[in-house]
Amino acid sequence: MDCGWHRPGLHGRGRLGDCRYLGVVEMPLRFQPMRFVGWQIYGVQRDELDVQYVVRVRIVTRGA
């Protein structure tokens, strides 16, 4: 299902599989999101030496 995702910078628009808007998602610094799966984001994290790591970031809601 294509919900019109764009390549976010530091923020992305949170949506579920049925394309409901959930709010703004703040990305970690130096993180490039690649794939959104449920409440997880897979992407590439770069360290201070520009070494790349494949990581999974979990989306949590405020107050969780």
Protein backbone atom coordinates (compact mmCIF):
# COMPACT_ATOMS: atom_id res chain seq x y z
CA MET A 1 0.00 0.00 0.00
CA ASP A 2 1.43 3.39 -0.96
CA CYS A 3 0.41 6.12 1.46
CA GLY A 4 2.48 8.82 -0.20
CA TRP A 5 5.59 8.50 1.98
CA HIS A 6 8.34 10.94 1.21
CA ARG A 7 11.97 10.90 2.27
CA PRO A 8 11.89 12.69 5.61
CA GLY A 9 14.81 14.70 6.94
CA LEU A 10 14.76 14.85 10.70
CA HIS A 11 10.99 14.45 10.81
CA GLY A 12 8.56 12.20 9.02
CA ARG A 13 4.82 11.83 9.02
CA GLY A 14 3.62 8.89 11.08
CA ARG A 15 1.08 6.65 9.41
CA LEU A 16 -0.19 3.14 9.98
CA GLY A 17 -0.74 0.57 7.25
CA ASP A 18 -4.21 1.97 6.58
CA CYS A 19 -2.69 5.45 5.96
CA ARG A 20 -4.04 7.12 9.09
CA TYR A 21 -2.01 10.18 10.12
CA LEU A 22 -0.51 9.70 13.58
CA GLY A 23 1.73 12.74 13.95
CA VAL A 24 5.36 13.75 13.54
CA VAL A 25 8.19 11.25 13.98
CA GLU A 26 11.54 12.67 15.13
CA MET A 27 14.51 10.83 13.63
CA PRO A 28 17.87 10.38 15.41
CA LEU A 29 20.70 12.60 14.19
CA ARG A 30 22.69 11.19 11.25
CA PHE A 31 19.99 8.55 10.60
CA GLN A 32 18.67 7.89 7.10
CA PRO A 33 15.35 6.03 7.16
CA MET A 34 14.90 3.38 4.46
CA ARG A 35 11.85 1.29 5.37
CA PHE A 36 8.87 1.72 7.68
CA VAL A 37 7.37 -1.50 9.05
CA GLY A 38 4.64 -1.15 11.66
CA TRP A 39 6.11 0.70 14.65
CA GLN A 40 9.71 0.24 13.47
CA ILE A 41 11.95 2.12 11.06
CA TYR A 42 14.91 0.45 9.36
CA GLY A 43 17.71 2.63 8.09
CA VAL A 44 21.37 3.63 8.09
CA GLN A 45 23.00 5.34 11.08
CA ARG A 46 26.35 7.10 10.60
CA ASP A 47 28.79 7.67 13.45
CA GLU A 48 31.19 10.60 13.93
CA LEU A 49 33.69 8.99 11.50
CA ASP A 50 30.93 8.47 8.89
CA VAL A 51 30.94 4.69 9.39
CA GLN A 52 27.54 3.30 8.40
CA TYR A 53 25.48 0.87 10.50
CA VAL A 54 22.18 -0.77 9.61
CA VAL A 55 19.81 -0.15 12.50
CA ARG A 56 16.20 -0.60 13.54
CA VAL A 57 14.56 2.29 15.38
CA ARG A 58 11.40 1.72 17.39
CA ILE A 59 8.64 4.35 17.32
CA VAL A 60 7.33 5.19 20.78
CA THR A 61 4.55 7.56 21.67
CA ARG A 62 4.92 10.33 24.23
CA GLY A 63 4.32 9.09 27.72
CA ALA A 64 5.30 5.52 26.82
